C-alpha atoms as a PDB file:
ATOM      1  CA  MET A   1      16.588   6.216 -10.531  1.00  0.00           C
ATOM      2  CA  ILE A   2      13.227   7.123  -9.001  1.00  0.00           C
ATOM      3  CA  PRO A   3      10.308   5.136 -10.488  1.00  0.00           C
ATOM      4  CA  THR A   4       7.695   7.127 -12.397  1.00  0.00           C
ATOM      5  CA  LEU A   5       3.905   7.209 -12.561  1.00  0.00           C
ATOM      6  CA  PRO A   6       1.544   9.038 -14.910  1.00  0.00           C
ATOM      7  CA  LEU A   7       0.003  12.098 -13.302  1.00  0.00           C
ATOM      8  CA  GLY A   8      -3.616  11.236 -13.959  1.00  0.00           C
ATOM      9  CA  THR A   9      -5.048   9.972 -17.228  1.00  0.00           C
ATOM     10  CA  ASP A  10      -3.487  12.547 -19.533  1.00  0.00           C
ATOM     11  CA  GLY A  11      -0.693  13.995 -17.428  1.00  0.00           C
ATOM     12  CA  PRO A  12       3.054  13.516 -17.813  1.00  0.00           C
ATOM     13  CA  LYS A  13       5.013  10.676 -16.278  1.00  0.00           C
ATOM     14  CA  LEU A  14       6.804  11.970 -13.205  1.00  0.00           C
ATOM     15  CA  PRO A  15       9.086  10.485 -10.538  1.00  0.00           C
ATOM     16  CA  VAL A  16       6.922   9.148  -7.706  1.00  0.00           C
ATOM     17  CA  LEU A  17       8.924  11.087  -5.120  1.00  0.00           C
ATOM     18  CA  GLY A  18       8.531  14.835  -5.118  1.00  0.00           C
ATOM     19  CA  LEU A  19       9.575  17.422  -2.566  1.00  0.00           C
ATOM     20  CA  GLY A  20       7.252  19.268  -0.216  1.00  0.00           C
ATOM     21  CA  CYS A  21       8.700  22.733   0.271  1.00  0.00           C
ATOM     22  CA  MET A  22       6.436  24.167   2.993  1.00  0.00           C
ATOM     23  CA  GLY A  23       8.889  23.759   5.878  1.00  0.00           C
ATOM     24  CA  MET A  24      11.455  25.853   4.050  1.00  0.00           C
ATOM     25  CA  SER A  25       9.343  28.926   4.825  1.00  0.00           C
ATOM     26  CA  GLU A  26       7.421  28.285   8.057  1.00  0.00           C
ATOM     27  CA  PHE A  27       5.641  25.893  10.442  1.00  0.00           C
ATOM     28  CA  TYR A  28       8.637  23.656  11.283  1.00  0.00           C
ATOM     29  CA  GLY A  29      10.941  26.023  13.115  1.00  0.00           C
ATOM     30  CA  GLU A  30      13.763  28.213  11.899  1.00  0.00           C
ATOM     31  CA  THR A  31      14.443  28.492   8.182  1.00  0.00           C
ATOM     32  CA  ASP A  32      17.572  29.169   6.151  1.00  0.00           C
ATOM     33  CA  ASP A  33      17.148  30.120   2.499  1.00  0.00           C
ATOM     34  CA  GLU A  34      20.661  29.118   1.442  1.00  0.00           C
ATOM     35  CA  GLN A  35      20.335  25.734   3.089  1.00  0.00           C
ATOM     36  CA  SER A  36      16.930  25.274   1.474  1.00  0.00           C
ATOM     37  CA  LEU A  37      18.287  26.181  -1.953  1.00  0.00           C
ATOM     38  CA  ALA A  38      21.004  23.572  -1.494  1.00  0.00           C
ATOM     39  CA  VAL A  39      18.329  20.970  -0.736  1.00  0.00           C
ATOM     40  CA  LEU A  40      16.292  22.014  -3.783  1.00  0.00           C
ATOM     41  CA  ARG A  41      19.327  21.749  -6.052  1.00  0.00           C
ATOM     42  CA  ARG A  42      20.336  18.358  -4.630  1.00  0.00           C
ATOM     43  CA  ALA A  43      16.791  17.039  -4.980  1.00  0.00           C
ATOM     44  CA  HIS A  44      16.875  18.002  -8.646  1.00  0.00           C
ATOM     45  CA  GLU A  45      20.271  16.305  -9.096  1.00  0.00           C
ATOM     46  CA  LEU A  46      18.832  13.114  -7.585  1.00  0.00           C
ATOM     47  CA  GLY A  47      15.913  13.070 -10.017  1.00  0.00           C
ATOM     48  CA  VAL A  48      13.120  14.864  -8.169  1.00  0.00           C
ATOM     49  CA  ARG A  49      10.928  16.824 -10.567  1.00  0.00           C
ATOM     50  CA  MET A  50       7.721  17.633  -8.669  1.00  0.00           C
ATOM     51  CA  PHE A  51       8.219  20.554  -6.285  1.00  0.00           C
ATOM     52  CA  ASP A  52       5.210  21.386  -4.144  1.00  0.00           C
ATOM     53  CA  THR A  53       4.466  24.807  -2.700  1.00  0.00           C
ATOM     54  CA  ALA A  54       1.516  27.118  -1.938  1.00  0.00           C
ATOM     55  CA  ASP A  55       0.868  30.822  -1.896  1.00  0.00           C
ATOM     56  CA  MET A  56       0.220  30.704   1.866  1.00  0.00           C
ATOM     57  CA  TYR A  57       3.571  29.141   2.807  1.00  0.00           C
ATOM     58  CA  GLY A  58       5.414  32.045   4.322  1.00  0.00           C
ATOM     59  CA  ASN A  59       2.838  34.340   2.691  1.00  0.00           C
ATOM     60  CA  GLY A  60       4.499  34.053  -0.703  1.00  0.00           C
ATOM     61  CA  HIS A  61       8.059  33.453   0.512  1.00  0.00           C
ATOM     62  CA  ASN A  62       8.035  29.783  -0.512  1.00  0.00           C
ATOM     63  CA  GLU A  63       7.079  30.565  -4.099  1.00  0.00           C
ATOM     64  CA  GLU A  64       9.758  33.254  -4.244  1.00  0.00           C
ATOM     65  CA  LEU A  65      12.307  30.758  -2.920  1.00  0.00           C
ATOM     66  CA  LEU A  66      11.345  28.311  -5.655  1.00  0.00           C
ATOM     67  CA  ALA A  67      11.763  31.090  -8.218  1.00  0.00           C
ATOM     68  CA  ARG A  68      15.367  31.507  -7.077  1.00  0.00           C
ATOM     69  CA  PHE A  69      15.903  27.779  -7.548  1.00  0.00           C
ATOM     70  CA  LEU A  70      14.263  27.808 -10.984  1.00  0.00           C
ATOM     71  CA  ASN A  71      16.481  30.694 -12.054  1.00  0.00           C
ATOM     72  CA  ASP A  72      19.576  28.855 -10.851  1.00  0.00           C
ATOM     73  CA  GLY A  73      19.484  25.672 -12.883  1.00  0.00           C
ATOM     74  CA  GLY A  74      16.145  24.197 -11.837  1.00  0.00           C
ATOM     75  CA  ALA A  75      15.234  23.226 -15.385  1.00  0.00           C
ATOM     76  CA  LYS A  76      12.636  20.613 -16.359  1.00  0.00           C
ATOM     77  CA  THR A  77      10.774  20.926 -13.085  1.00  0.00           C
ATOM     78  CA  PHE A  78       7.081  20.424 -12.423  1.00  0.00           C
ATOM     79  CA  ILE A  79       5.738  23.110 -10.104  1.00  0.00           C
ATOM     80  CA  ALA A  80       2.583  22.585  -8.083  1.00  0.00           C
ATOM     81  CA  THR A  81       1.192  25.429  -6.033  1.00  0.00           C
ATOM     82  CA  LYS A  82      -2.093  26.080  -4.271  1.00  0.00           C
ATOM     83  CA  VAL A  83      -4.816  28.653  -3.724  1.00  0.00           C
ATOM     84  CA  GLY A  84      -7.716  29.037  -1.355  1.00  0.00           C
ATOM     85  CA  ILE A  85      -6.324  29.671   2.133  1.00  0.00           C
ATOM     86  CA  ARG A  86      -5.938  33.243   3.291  1.00  0.00           C
ATOM     87  CA  LYS A  87      -4.052  34.071   6.451  1.00  0.00           C
ATOM     88  CA  ALA A  88      -2.404  37.075   8.005  1.00  0.00           C
ATOM     89  CA  SER A  89       1.383  37.255   8.053  1.00  0.00           C
ATOM     90  CA  GLY A  90       2.874  35.181  10.843  1.00  0.00           C
ATOM     91  CA  GLU A  91      -0.468  33.859  12.074  1.00  0.00           C
ATOM     92  CA  TYR A  92      -1.899  30.350  12.034  1.00  0.00           C
ATOM     93  CA  ALA A  93      -5.528  31.500  11.778  1.00  0.00           C
ATOM     94  CA  ARG A  94      -6.947  31.265   8.286  1.00  0.00           C
ATOM     95  CA  THR A  95     -10.053  31.689   6.179  1.00  0.00           C
ATOM     96  CA  ILE A  96     -11.011  29.639   3.132  1.00  0.00           C
ATOM     97  CA  ASP A  97     -11.725  31.627  -0.030  1.00  0.00           C
ATOM     98  CA  ASN A  98     -12.584  29.912  -3.324  1.00  0.00           C
ATOM     99  CA  SER A  99     -14.264  32.923  -4.913  1.00  0.00           C
ATOM    100  CA  PRO A 100     -13.519  33.388  -8.628  1.00  0.00           C
ATOM    101  CA  ASP A 101     -12.179  36.909  -8.094  1.00  0.00           C
ATOM    102  CA  TYR A 102      -9.755  35.754  -5.421  1.00  0.00           C
ATOM    103  CA  ILE A 103      -8.609  32.756  -7.453  1.00  0.00           C
ATOM    104  CA  ARG A 104      -7.821  34.957 -10.455  1.00  0.00           C
ATOM    105  CA  GLN A 105      -5.926  37.481  -8.336  1.00  0.00           C
ATOM    106  CA  ALA A 106      -4.047  34.804  -6.425  1.00  0.00           C
ATOM    107  CA  CYS A 107      -3.063  32.980  -9.613  1.00  0.00           C
ATOM    108  CA  ASP A 108      -1.563  36.128 -11.105  1.00  0.00           C
ATOM    109  CA  ALA A 109       0.334  36.770  -7.876  1.00  0.00           C
ATOM    110  CA  SER A 110       1.701  33.207  -7.817  1.00  0.00           C
ATOM    111  CA  LEU A 111       2.799  33.447 -11.447  1.00  0.00           C
ATOM    112  CA  GLN A 112       4.681  36.640 -10.658  1.00  0.00           C
ATOM    113  CA  ARG A 113       6.345  35.246  -7.523  1.00  0.00           C
ATOM    114  CA  LEU A 114       7.332  32.018  -9.259  1.00  0.00           C
ATOM    115  CA  GLY A 115       8.528  33.840 -12.348  1.00  0.00           C
ATOM    116  CA  VAL A 116       6.791  31.402 -14.698  1.00  0.00           C
ATOM    117  CA  GLU A 117       4.263  31.858 -17.484  1.00  0.00           C
ATOM    118  CA  ARG A 118       2.189  28.831 -16.542  1.00  0.00           C
ATOM    119  CA  ILE A 119       1.692  26.803 -13.370  1.00  0.00           C
ATOM    120  CA  ASP A 120       1.960  23.059 -14.017  1.00  0.00           C
ATOM    121  CA  LEU A 121      -0.560  22.023 -11.354  1.00  0.00           C
ATOM    122  CA  TYR A 122      -2.817  24.428  -9.460  1.00  0.00           C
ATOM    123  CA  TYR A 123      -4.473  22.936  -6.393  1.00  0.00           C
ATOM    124  CA  VAL A 124      -7.496  24.242  -4.532  1.00  0.00           C
ATOM    125  CA  HIS A 125      -5.797  24.115  -1.138  1.00  0.00           C
ATOM    126  CA  ARG A 126      -9.071  23.671   0.718  1.00  0.00           C
ATOM    127  CA  ALA A 127     -12.616  23.689  -0.643  1.00  0.00           C
ATOM    128  CA  GLU A 128     -14.840  26.438   0.760  1.00  0.00           C
ATOM    129  CA  ALA A 129     -17.921  25.185   2.570  1.00  0.00           C
ATOM    130  CA  GLY A 130     -21.110  26.752   1.251  1.00  0.00           C
ATOM    131  CA  ARG A 131     -19.699  27.812  -2.105  1.00  0.00           C
ATOM    132  CA  PRO A 132     -20.749  25.688  -5.106  1.00  0.00           C
ATOM    133  CA  ILE A 133     -17.668  23.865  -6.335  1.00  0.00           C
ATOM    134  CA  GLU A 134     -18.946  24.346  -9.886  1.00  0.00           C
ATOM    135  CA  GLU A 135     -18.376  28.102  -9.503  1.00  0.00           C
ATOM    136  CA  THR A 136     -14.797  27.547  -8.387  1.00  0.00           C
ATOM    137  CA  MET A 137     -14.115  25.054 -11.165  1.00  0.00           C
ATOM    138  CA  ALA A 138     -15.461  27.421 -13.809  1.00  0.00           C
ATOM    139  CA  ALA A 139     -12.912  30.026 -12.699  1.00  0.00           C
ATOM    140  CA  LEU A 140     -10.102  27.462 -12.771  1.00  0.00           C
ATOM    141  CA  ALA A 141     -11.178  26.210 -16.192  1.00  0.00           C
ATOM    142  CA  ASP A 142     -10.925  29.792 -17.450  1.00  0.00           C
ATOM    143  CA  LEU A 143      -7.341  29.922 -16.164  1.00  0.00           C
ATOM    144  CA  VAL A 144      -6.555  26.733 -18.074  1.00  0.00           C
ATOM    145  CA  GLN A 145      -8.089  28.251 -21.199  1.00  0.00           C
ATOM    146  CA  ALA A 146      -6.028  31.410 -20.685  1.00  0.00           C
ATOM    147  CA  GLY A 147      -2.838  29.340 -20.464  1.00  0.00           C
ATOM    148  CA  LYS A 148      -2.065  30.419 -16.891  1.00  0.00           C
ATOM    149  CA  ILE A 149      -2.385  26.942 -15.405  1.00  0.00           C
ATOM    150  CA  ALA A 150      -1.964  23.555 -17.070  1.00  0.00           C
ATOM    151  CA  ARG A 151      -3.852  21.285 -14.664  1.00  0.00           C
ATOM    152  CA  ILE A 152      -6.282  21.493 -11.743  1.00  0.00           C
ATOM    153  CA  GLY A 153      -5.956  19.689  -8.435  1.00  0.00           C
ATOM    154  CA  PHE A 154      -7.580  19.561  -5.008  1.00  0.00           C
ATOM    155  CA  SER A 155      -6.182  19.097  -1.520  1.00  0.00           C
ATOM    156  CA  GLU A 156      -8.073  17.362   1.317  1.00  0.00           C
ATOM    157  CA  VAL A 157     -11.338  17.355  -0.639  1.00  0.00           C
ATOM    158  CA  SER A 158     -14.318  15.051  -0.087  1.00  0.00           C
ATOM    159  CA  ALA A 159     -15.179  12.364  -2.634  1.00  0.00           C
ATOM    160  CA  GLU A 160     -18.552  13.993  -3.330  1.00  0.00           C
ATOM    161  CA  THR A 161     -17.026  17.398  -4.039  1.00  0.00           C
ATOM    162  CA  LEU A 162     -14.323  15.790  -6.176  1.00  0.00           C
ATOM    163  CA  ARG A 163     -16.903  14.063  -8.359  1.00  0.00           C
ATOM    164  CA  ARG A 164     -18.840  17.302  -8.873  1.00  0.00           C
ATOM    165  CA  ALA A 165     -15.637  19.203  -9.693  1.00  0.00           C
ATOM    166  CA  HIS A 166     -14.443  16.554 -12.138  1.00  0.00           C
ATOM    167  CA  ALA A 167     -17.776  16.739 -13.970  1.00  0.00           C
ATOM    168  CA  VAL A 168     -17.096  20.422 -14.758  1.00  0.00           C
ATOM    169  CA  HIS A 169     -13.452  20.044 -15.833  1.00  0.00           C
ATOM    170  CA  PRO A 170     -10.978  17.165 -15.492  1.00  0.00           C
ATOM    171  CA  VAL A 171      -9.170  17.109 -12.156  1.00  0.00           C
ATOM    172  CA  THR A 172      -5.607  15.849 -12.523  1.00  0.00           C
ATOM    173  CA  ALA A 173      -4.567  15.199  -8.926  1.00  0.00           C
ATOM    174  CA  VAL A 174      -5.740  15.079  -5.335  1.00  0.00           C
ATOM    175  CA  GLN A 175      -3.290  15.803  -2.540  1.00  0.00           C
ATOM    176  CA  SER A 176      -4.060  14.648   0.987  1.00  0.00           C
ATOM    177  CA  GLU A 177      -2.202  13.579   4.076  1.00  0.00           C
ATOM    178  CA  TYR A 178      -1.448   9.860   3.803  1.00  0.00           C
ATOM    179  CA  SER A 179       0.872   7.704   5.878  1.00  0.00           C
ATOM    180  CA  LEU A 180       0.836   4.827   8.314  1.00  0.00           C
ATOM    181  CA  THR A 181      -0.457   7.352  10.863  1.00  0.00           C
ATOM    182  CA  THR A 182      -3.252   8.694   8.657  1.00  0.00           C
ATOM    183  CA  ARG A 183      -5.197   6.341   6.395  1.00  0.00           C
ATOM    184  CA  ASP A 184      -8.632   8.014   6.298  1.00  0.00           C
ATOM    185  CA  MET A 185      -8.518   8.521   2.535  1.00  0.00           C
ATOM    186  CA  GLU A 186      -8.454   4.800   1.852  1.00  0.00           C
ATOM    187  CA  ALA A 187     -12.192   4.664   2.533  1.00  0.00           C
ATOM    188  CA  GLU A 188     -13.419   7.016  -0.214  1.00  0.00           C
ATOM    189  CA  ILE A 189     -10.857   9.351  -1.762  1.00  0.00           C
ATOM    190  CA  LEU A 190      -8.329   6.795  -3.048  1.00  0.00           C
ATOM    191  CA  PRO A 191     -11.025   4.564  -4.631  1.00  0.00           C
ATOM    192  CA  THR A 192     -12.647   7.635  -6.213  1.00  0.00           C
ATOM    193  CA  CYS A 193      -9.326   8.818  -7.633  1.00  0.00           C
ATOM    194  CA  ARG A 194      -8.675   5.402  -9.131  1.00  0.00           C
ATOM    195  CA  GLU A 195     -12.155   5.241 -10.603  1.00  0.00           C
ATOM    196  CA  LEU A 196     -11.856   8.662 -12.222  1.00  0.00           C
ATOM    197  CA  GLY A 197      -8.223   8.343 -13.334  1.00  0.00           C
ATOM    198  CA  ILE A 198      -7.019  11.048 -10.941  1.00  0.00           C
ATOM    199  CA  ALA A 199      -3.510  10.883  -9.472  1.00  0.00           C
ATOM    200  CA  PHE A 200      -3.099  10.824  -5.704  1.00  0.00           C
ATOM    201  CA  VAL A 201      -0.272  12.734  -4.024  1.00  0.00           C
ATOM    202  CA  ALA A 202       0.518  11.930  -0.388  1.00  0.00           C
ATOM    203  CA  TYR A 203       1.779  14.775   1.754  1.00  0.00           C
ATOM    204  CA  SER A 204       3.284  14.220   5.222  1.00  0.00           C
ATOM    205  CA  PRO A 205       4.002  10.575   4.279  1.00  0.00           C
ATOM    206  CA  LEU A 206       6.244  10.302   7.340  1.00  0.00           C
ATOM    207  CA  GLY A 207       3.572  11.476   9.751  1.00  0.00           C
ATOM    208  CA  ARG A 208       5.317  14.824  10.266  1.00  0.00           C
ATOM    209  CA  GLY A 209       8.372  13.002  11.559  1.00  0.00           C
ATOM    210  CA  LEU A 210       6.501  10.749  13.978  1.00  0.00           C
ATOM    211  CA  LEU A 211       7.403   7.672  11.906  1.00  0.00           C
ATOM    212  CA  SER A 212      11.134   8.411  11.964  1.00  0.00           C
ATOM    213  CA  GLY A 213      11.499   6.439  15.173  1.00  0.00           C
ATOM    214  CA  THR A 214      13.710   9.198  16.557  1.00  0.00           C
ATOM    215  CA  PHE A 215      11.134  11.932  17.095  1.00  0.00           C
ATOM    216  CA  ASP A 216      11.772  14.072  20.170  1.00  0.00           C
ATOM    217  CA  LEU A 217       9.462  16.951  21.017  1.00  0.00           C
ATOM    218  CA  ASP A 218      12.126  18.517  23.247  1.00  0.00           C
ATOM    219  CA  ASN A 219      14.367  19.071  20.217  1.00  0.00           C
ATOM    220  CA  LEU A 220      11.759  21.105  18.345  1.00  0.00           C
ATOM    221  CA  SER A 221      11.979  24.855  17.995  1.00  0.00           C
ATOM    222  CA  GLU A 222       9.497  26.877  20.022  1.00  0.00           C
ATOM    223  CA  SER A 223       7.975  28.024  16.719  1.00  0.00           C
ATOM    224  CA  ASP A 224       7.419  24.465  15.441  1.00  0.00           C
ATOM    225  CA  VAL A 225       3.693  23.974  14.859  1.00  0.00           C
ATOM    226  CA  ARG A 226       3.878  20.346  15.982  1.00  0.00           C
ATOM    227  CA  ARG A 227       4.142  21.524  19.579  1.00  0.00           C
ATOM    228  CA  ASN A 228       0.441  22.394  19.382  1.00  0.00           C
ATOM    229  CA  LEU A 229      -0.892  19.532  17.266  1.00  0.00           C
ATOM    230  CA  PRO A 230      -3.094  17.126  19.252  1.00  0.00           C
ATOM    231  CA  ARG A 231      -1.268  14.047  17.968  1.00  0.00           C
ATOM    232  CA  PHE A 232       2.033  15.366  19.360  1.00  0.00           C
ATOM    233  CA  THR A 233       0.996  16.556  22.789  1.00  0.00           C
ATOM    234  CA  GLY A 234       1.358  14.981  26.233  1.00  0.00           C
ATOM    235  CA  THR A 235       0.617  11.312  26.733  1.00  0.00           C
ATOM    236  CA  THR A 236      -0.961  11.083  23.269  1.00  0.00           C
ATOM    237  CA  MET A 237       2.430  11.459  21.619  1.00  0.00           C
ATOM    238  CA  GLU A 238       4.000   8.898  23.948  1.00  0.00           C
ATOM    239  CA  GLU A 239       1.220   6.421  23.129  1.00  0.00           C
ATOM    240  CA  ASN A 240       1.764   6.971  19.406  1.00  0.00           C
ATOM    241  CA  LEU A 241       5.528   6.503  19.689  1.00  0.00           C
ATOM    242  CA  ASP A 242       4.955   3.251  21.568  1.00  0.00           C
ATOM    243  CA  ARG A 243       3.168   1.883  18.491  1.00  0.00           C
ATOM    244  CA  LEU A 244       6.245   1.884  16.273  1.00  0.00           C
ATOM    245  CA  ASP A 245       7.659  -1.538  17.166  1.00  0.00           C
ATOM    246  CA  THR A 246       6.489  -3.287  13.982  1.00  0.00           C
ATOM    247  CA  LEU A 247       7.884  -0.483  11.837  1.00  0.00           C
ATOM    248  CA  ARG A 248      11.246  -0.666  13.615  1.00  0.00           C
ATOM    249  CA  THR A 249      11.368  -4.448  13.311  1.00  0.00           C
ATOM    250  CA  ILE A 250      10.796  -4.394   9.554  1.00  0.00           C
ATOM    251  CA  ALA A 251      13.307  -1.568   9.178  1.00  0.00           C
ATOM    252  CA  ASP A 252      15.948  -3.633  10.987  1.00  0.00           C
ATOM    253  CA  GLN A 253      15.184  -6.650   8.809  1.00  0.00           C
ATOM    254  CA  ARG A 254      15.511  -4.550   5.664  1.00  0.00           C
ATOM    255  CA  GLU A 255      18.624  -2.692   6.890  1.00  0.00           C
ATOM    256  CA  ALA A 256      16.720   0.541   6.426  1.00  0.00           C
ATOM    257  CA  THR A 257      15.442   3.313   8.647  1.00  0.00           C
ATOM    258  CA  PRO A 258      11.851   3.428   9.931  1.00  0.00           C
ATOM    259  CA  SER A 259      11.315   6.521   7.762  1.00  0.00           C
ATOM    260  CA  GLN A 260      12.409   4.651   4.648  1.00  0.00           C
ATOM    261  CA  VAL A 261      10.088   1.734   5.363  1.00  0.00           C
ATOM    262  CA  ALA A 262       7.189   4.101   6.086  1.00  0.00           C
ATOM    263  CA  LEU A 263       7.823   5.942   2.821  1.00  0.00           C
ATOM    264  CA  ALA A 264       8.237   2.715   0.846  1.00  0.00           C
ATOM    265  CA  TRP A 265       4.852   1.575   2.224  1.00  0.00           C
ATOM    266  CA  VAL A 266       3.183   4.714   0.848  1.00  0.00           C
ATOM    267  CA  LEU A 267       4.824   4.281  -2.560  1.00  0.00           C
ATOM    268  CA  ALA A 268       3.764   0.626  -2.626  1.00  0.00           C
ATOM    269  CA  LYS A 269       0.165   1.869  -2.709  1.00  0.00           C
ATOM    270  CA  GLY A 270       0.753   3.208  -6.235  1.00  0.00           C
ATOM    271  CA  VAL A 271       0.691   6.917  -5.359  1.00  0.00           C
ATOM    272  CA  PHE A 272       3.024   9.901  -5.445  1.00  0.00           C
ATOM    273  CA  ALA A 273       4.606  11.168  -2.224  1.00  0.00           C
ATOM    274  CA  ILE A 274       6.069  14.563  -1.377  1.00  0.00           C
ATOM    275  CA  PRO A 275       8.003  14.267   1.883  1.00  0.00           C
ATOM    276  CA  GLY A 276       9.282  17.620   3.020  1.00  0.00           C
ATOM    277  CA  THR A 277      12.673  18.369   4.486  1.00  0.00           C
ATOM    278  CA  LYS A 278      15.151  21.200   4.964  1.00  0.00           C
ATOM    279  CA  ARG A 279      18.150  18.906   5.420  1.00  0.00           C
ATOM    280  CA  LEU A 280      20.324  17.221   2.807  1.00  0.00           C
ATOM    281  CA  SER A 281      20.780  14.092   4.921  1.00  0.00           C
ATOM    282  CA  TYR A 282      17.026  13.539   5.237  1.00  0.00           C
ATOM    283  CA  LEU A 283      16.519  14.273   1.552  1.00  0.00           C
ATOM    284  CA  GLU A 284      19.027  11.614   0.511  1.00  0.00           C
ATOM    285  CA  GLN A 285      17.533   9.152   2.980  1.00  0.00           C
ATOM    286  CA  ASN A 286      14.081   9.736   1.513  1.00  0.00           C
ATOM    287  CA  ILE A 287      15.302   9.338  -2.071  1.00  0.00           C
ATOM    288  CA  ALA A 288      16.876   6.001  -1.151  1.00  0.00           C
ATOM    289  CA  ALA A 289      13.446   4.804   0.009  1.00  0.00           C
ATOM    290  CA  ALA A 290      12.296   4.813  -3.619  1.00  0.00           C
ATOM    291  CA  SER A 291      14.606   1.840  -4.220  1.00  0.00           C
ATOM    292  CA  LEU A 292      13.391  -0.103  -1.182  1.00  0.00           C
ATOM    293  CA  ARG A 293      11.071  -2.930  -2.209  1.00  0.00           C
ATOM    294  CA  LEU A 294       8.924  -4.210   0.614  1.00  0.00           C
ATOM    295  CA  SER A 295       7.620  -7.761   0.372  1.00  0.00           C
ATOM    296  CA  ALA A 296       3.917  -8.552   0.301  1.00  0.00           C
ATOM    297  CA  ASP A 297       4.343  -9.866   3.841  1.00  0.00           C
ATOM    298  CA  ASP A 298       6.006  -6.605   4.965  1.00  0.00           C
ATOM    299  CA  ILE A 299       3.114  -4.595   3.579  1.00  0.00           C
ATOM    300  CA  ALA A 300       0.527  -6.893   5.130  1.00  0.00           C
ATOM    301  CA  ARG A 301       2.218  -6.654   8.534  1.00  0.00           C
ATOM    302  CA  LEU A 302       2.289  -2.867   8.327  1.00  0.00           C
ATOM    303  CA  ASP A 303      -1.326  -2.767   7.173  1.00  0.00           C
ATOM    304  CA  ARG A 304      -2.377  -4.820  10.200  1.00  0.00           C
ATOM    305  CA  ALA A 305      -0.191  -3.083  12.754  1.00  0.00           C
ATOM    306  CA  TYR A 306      -1.252   0.384  11.620  1.00  0.00           C
ATOM    307  CA  ALA A 307      -4.849  -0.116  10.579  1.00  0.00           C
ATOM    308  CA  PRO A 308      -6.848   3.084  10.054  1.00  0.00           C
ATOM    309  CA  GLY A 309      -7.411   4.775  13.404  1.00  0.00           C
ATOM    310  CA  SER A 310      -4.438   3.144  15.138  1.00  0.00           C
ATOM    311  CA  PHE A 311      -2.831   6.466  16.008  1.00  0.00           C
ATOM    312  CA  THR A 312      -4.644   8.769  18.389  1.00  0.00           C
ATOM    313  CA  GLY A 313      -5.153  12.518  18.359  1.00  0.00           C
ATOM    314  CA  GLU A 314      -6.398  14.817  15.602  1.00  0.00           C
ATOM    315  CA  ARG A 315      -3.790  15.604  12.972  1.00  0.00           C
ATOM    316  CA  TYR A 316      -4.565  19.352  13.114  1.00  0.00           C
ATOM    317  CA  THR A 317      -6.041  21.805  15.575  1.00  0.00           C
ATOM    318  CA  ALA A 318      -9.599  22.947  14.891  1.00  0.00           C
ATOM    319  CA  GLU A 319      -8.184  25.914  12.961  1.00  0.00           C
ATOM    320  CA  GLY A 320      -6.093  23.623  10.796  1.00  0.00           C
ATOM    321  CA  MET A 321      -9.066  21.367  10.074  1.00  0.00           C
ATOM    322  CA  LYS A 322     -10.903  24.173   8.278  1.00  0.00           C
ATOM    323  CA  GLY A 323     -11.775  23.027   4.781  1.00  0.00           C
ATOM    324  CA  VAL A 324     -10.688  19.410   5.336  1.00  0.00           C
ATOM    325  CA  ASN A 325     -13.023  16.895   3.664  1.00  0.00           C
ATOM    326  CA  VAL A 326     -15.411  19.594   2.412  1.00  0.00           C
END
């Protein structure tokens, strides 16, 4: 049984472990729809209810894949999707668009691809610099009023922008990268979420595989985006891998994998996590982490060993950093 948390002040109670579906469509090498559908079905069998997607993942493919799952027994699911990043098919380059017209059009398109009447949680994928967030929130509030979305969220937003948005209409959740490799949000975003009663959802809680303890760049597909991420290139990656001794030690003591300990650490912070995977074995390993209880000493050791800023290299390229912390 996966533990549950309330999704914000007025949201439903949901299992703390969800599933990030992005890699089923692009960014992490070759994809296989049938294999992905098997993972989605197994996740549901194991108690996962929050499935996370976005309109930009595979330029709509990921939402369409989820629709196939929903039509094939994926009942009682909580679907979160996102809006605000526009990119050309097959390209990494993107622009940020939070204009009301685009949000309305994109929402209708997501509803059609997902085959649902209402989206459970609609994230602003990235806030658009220079556009008043109040304008964007007004458009989203209209979608709530129209019954097209149930709740509003933000991804990688600044604390200041979050406060302004929340003053217009309640924000249910904030999704940001959070793991032992990336703890920036502990300074402002997590405290702000707790103050305002907003749920926090950690994506890439395993550091994009870096925290697995078995990461090998040579085994990645040529199309895997990690080949170009600063944190994974050259000597920087080797330096980051050399930092995993404490994680491995605790994993050995707990008879767990480094990934499970890293994921249990995130969950111990009282947040949701949406690790992504395309493989059944990794899915089941991640689900088992929800039952792993780290001691206060374990958590303190991990906190010290992987203090904010311990890992080197930007987590995205400059293109990928567009809209982060706006």
